[in-house]
N, C-alpha and C. Protein backbone atom coordinates (compact mmCIF):
# COMPACT_ATOMS: atom_id res chain seq x y z
N UNK A 1 0.84 -1.18 0.00
CA UNK A 1 0.00 0.00 0.00
C UNK A 1 0.88 1.24 0.00
N UNK A 2 0.33 2.31 -0.49
CA UNK A 2 1.05 3.58 -0.49
C UNK A 2 0.39 4.55 0.47
N UNK A 3 1.08 5.62 0.81
CA UNK A 3 0.58 6.62 1.74
C UNK A 3 -0.82 7.06 1.37
N UNK A 4 -1.73 7.00 2.36
CA UNK A 4 -3.10 7.43 2.16
C UNK A 4 -4.03 6.39 1.58
N UNK A 5 -3.51 5.24 1.19
CA UNK A 5 -4.34 4.20 0.59
C UNK A 5 -5.17 3.50 1.66
N UNK A 6 -6.39 3.15 1.32
CA UNK A 6 -7.30 2.44 2.21
C UNK A 6 -7.70 1.14 1.54
N UNK A 7 -7.80 0.08 2.32
CA UNK A 7 -8.20 -1.21 1.80
C UNK A 7 -9.24 -1.82 2.72
N UNK A 8 -10.00 -2.76 2.22
CA UNK A 8 -11.03 -3.42 3.03
C UNK A 8 -10.94 -4.92 2.84
N UNK A 9 -11.21 -5.64 3.91
CA UNK A 9 -11.28 -7.09 3.86
C UNK A 9 -12.50 -7.52 4.67
N UNK A 10 -13.06 -8.64 4.31
CA UNK A 10 -14.19 -9.22 5.05
C UNK A 10 -14.31 -10.67 4.65
N UNK A 11 -15.08 -11.45 5.40
CA UNK A 11 -15.26 -12.84 5.00
C UNK A 11 -15.88 -12.99 3.61
N UNK A 12 -16.63 -12.00 3.16
CA UNK A 12 -17.25 -12.11 1.84
C UNK A 12 -16.32 -11.74 0.70
N UNK A 13 -15.29 -10.91 0.96
CA UNK A 13 -14.35 -10.54 -0.10
C UNK A 13 -12.95 -11.08 0.14
N UNK A 14 -12.77 -11.79 1.23
CA UNK A 14 -11.46 -12.37 1.56
C UNK A 14 -10.83 -11.62 2.71
N UNK A 15 -10.47 -12.32 3.77
CA UNK A 15 -9.93 -11.61 4.93
C UNK A 15 -8.58 -12.12 5.41
N UNK A 16 -7.81 -12.79 4.53
CA UNK A 16 -6.44 -13.16 4.87
C UNK A 16 -5.55 -11.99 4.49
N UNK A 17 -4.83 -11.44 5.47
CA UNK A 17 -3.96 -10.32 5.17
C UNK A 17 -2.82 -10.27 6.18
N UNK A 18 -1.78 -9.58 5.80
CA UNK A 18 -0.61 -9.38 6.66
C UNK A 18 -0.42 -7.89 6.83
N UNK A 19 -0.13 -7.48 8.06
CA UNK A 19 0.11 -6.07 8.34
C UNK A 19 1.58 -5.91 8.67
N UNK A 20 2.25 -5.02 7.94
CA UNK A 20 3.66 -4.75 8.21
C UNK A 20 4.00 -3.36 7.72
N UNK A 21 5.15 -2.87 8.13
CA UNK A 21 5.62 -1.55 7.73
C UNK A 21 7.04 -1.72 7.20
N UNK A 22 7.22 -1.71 5.88
CA UNK A 22 8.54 -1.97 5.30
C UNK A 22 9.49 -0.77 5.36
N UNK A 23 9.05 0.36 5.90
CA UNK A 23 9.90 1.54 5.97
C UNK A 23 10.16 1.91 7.42
N UNK A 24 11.00 2.90 7.62
CA UNK A 24 11.27 3.41 8.97
C UNK A 24 10.30 4.49 9.37
N UNK A 25 9.34 4.82 8.50
CA UNK A 25 8.35 5.84 8.81
C UNK A 25 7.31 5.28 9.78
N UNK A 26 6.60 6.18 10.43
CA UNK A 26 5.49 5.79 11.30
C UNK A 26 4.34 5.32 10.42
N UNK A 27 3.71 4.25 10.82
CA UNK A 27 2.59 3.70 10.07
C UNK A 27 1.43 3.45 11.02
N UNK A 28 0.23 3.76 10.57
CA UNK A 28 -0.96 3.53 11.39
C UNK A 28 -1.89 2.59 10.65
N UNK A 29 -2.30 1.54 11.32
CA UNK A 29 -3.23 0.57 10.75
C UNK A 29 -4.45 0.51 11.66
N UNK A 30 -5.60 0.88 11.13
CA UNK A 30 -6.83 0.87 11.92
C UNK A 30 -7.69 -0.30 11.45
N UNK A 31 -8.01 -1.19 12.36
CA UNK A 31 -8.88 -2.32 12.07
C UNK A 31 -10.22 -2.08 12.75
N UNK A 32 -11.29 -2.22 12.01
CA UNK A 32 -12.63 -2.07 12.56
C UNK A 32 -13.33 -3.42 12.44
N UNK A 33 -13.79 -3.94 13.56
CA UNK A 33 -14.42 -5.26 13.58
C UNK A 33 -15.90 -5.12 13.94
N UNK A 34 -16.70 -6.02 13.45
CA UNK A 34 -18.13 -6.01 13.76
C UNK A 34 -18.48 -6.98 14.86
N UNK A 35 -17.54 -7.23 15.77
CA UNK A 35 -17.77 -8.19 16.85
C UNK A 35 -16.83 -7.87 18.00
N UNK A 36 -16.99 -8.54 19.10
CA UNK A 36 -16.11 -8.40 20.25
C UNK A 36 -14.82 -9.17 19.95
N UNK A 37 -13.83 -8.49 19.43
CA UNK A 37 -12.61 -9.13 18.94
C UNK A 37 -11.80 -9.80 20.05
N UNK A 38 -12.09 -9.47 21.32
CA UNK A 38 -11.42 -10.12 22.44
C UNK A 38 -11.98 -11.50 22.75
N UNK A 39 -13.07 -11.88 22.06
CA UNK A 39 -13.68 -13.19 22.32
C UNK A 39 -13.89 -14.02 21.06
N UNK A 40 -13.71 -13.44 19.89
CA UNK A 40 -13.98 -14.13 18.63
C UNK A 40 -12.81 -15.06 18.27
N UNK A 41 -13.12 -16.30 17.95
CA UNK A 41 -12.10 -17.24 17.48
C UNK A 41 -11.81 -16.92 16.02
N UNK A 42 -10.54 -16.64 15.72
CA UNK A 42 -10.13 -16.32 14.35
C UNK A 42 -9.08 -17.34 13.91
N UNK A 43 -8.57 -17.18 12.70
CA UNK A 43 -7.56 -18.12 12.19
C UNK A 43 -6.35 -17.35 11.68
N UNK A 44 -5.19 -17.99 11.78
CA UNK A 44 -3.95 -17.42 11.27
C UNK A 44 -3.11 -18.53 10.68
N UNK A 45 -2.16 -18.15 9.84
CA UNK A 45 -1.20 -19.10 9.30
C UNK A 45 0.01 -19.09 10.22
N UNK A 46 0.32 -20.24 10.80
CA UNK A 46 1.41 -20.35 11.75
C UNK A 46 2.77 -20.43 11.08
N UNK A 47 3.81 -20.53 11.90
CA UNK A 47 5.18 -20.54 11.39
C UNK A 47 5.47 -21.73 10.49
N UNK A 48 4.75 -22.83 10.67
CA UNK A 48 4.93 -24.01 9.82
C UNK A 48 3.93 -24.04 8.68
N UNK A 49 3.32 -22.88 8.38
CA UNK A 49 2.33 -22.73 7.30
C UNK A 49 1.04 -23.50 7.57
N UNK A 50 0.80 -23.89 8.81
CA UNK A 50 -0.45 -24.55 9.15
C UNK A 50 -1.45 -23.50 9.66
N UNK A 51 -2.72 -23.73 9.42
CA UNK A 51 -3.77 -22.80 9.87
C UNK A 51 -4.11 -23.12 11.32
N UNK A 52 -4.08 -22.08 12.16
CA UNK A 52 -4.31 -22.25 13.60
C UNK A 52 -5.44 -21.33 14.05
N UNK A 53 -6.28 -21.81 14.95
CA UNK A 53 -7.29 -20.97 15.58
C UNK A 53 -6.63 -20.15 16.69
N UNK A 54 -7.12 -18.93 16.92
CA UNK A 54 -6.61 -18.13 18.02
C UNK A 54 -7.65 -17.08 18.43
N UNK A 55 -7.53 -16.59 19.64
CA UNK A 55 -8.29 -15.44 20.11
C UNK A 55 -7.25 -14.37 20.38
N UNK A 56 -7.48 -13.17 19.89
CA UNK A 56 -6.45 -12.14 19.87
C UNK A 56 -5.89 -11.76 21.23
N UNK A 57 -6.69 -11.86 22.27
CA UNK A 57 -6.20 -11.47 23.58
C UNK A 57 -6.47 -10.01 23.89
N UNK A 58 -7.04 -9.27 22.94
CA UNK A 58 -7.43 -7.89 23.23
C UNK A 58 -8.49 -7.90 24.30
N UNK A 59 -8.53 -6.87 25.08
CA UNK A 59 -9.52 -6.79 26.15
C UNK A 59 -10.92 -6.75 25.58
N UNK A 60 -11.79 -7.58 26.11
CA UNK A 60 -13.18 -7.55 25.70
C UNK A 60 -14.00 -6.65 26.62
N UNK A 61 -13.33 -5.96 27.52
CA UNK A 61 -14.00 -5.06 28.46
C UNK A 61 -13.61 -3.61 28.19
N UNK A 62 -13.73 -3.19 26.97
CA UNK A 62 -13.40 -1.81 26.60
C UNK A 62 -14.41 -0.85 27.20
N UNK A 63 -13.94 0.17 27.89
CA UNK A 63 -14.81 1.15 28.52
C UNK A 63 -14.48 2.53 27.96
N UNK A 64 -15.49 3.20 27.46
CA UNK A 64 -15.31 4.56 26.96
C UNK A 64 -15.85 5.54 27.99
N UNK A 65 -15.06 6.54 28.30
CA UNK A 65 -15.48 7.55 29.27
C UNK A 65 -15.43 8.92 28.60
N UNK A 66 -16.38 9.76 28.93
CA UNK A 66 -16.37 11.14 28.36
C UNK A 66 -15.98 12.13 29.42
């Protein structure tokens, strides 16, 4: 991707992706999920190229305060 580019993934259009920053510049990646990502079982490709289930470990108790 190039600076300012936006991309979308979903189960209907394909959601296998890798996030990385090949430069020394600051990079921001915003992921928006339609579920409680701290509890959803997802899949990843492991170091031996096998598909593994995982739960991200993000807090499922997000609290917003004003």
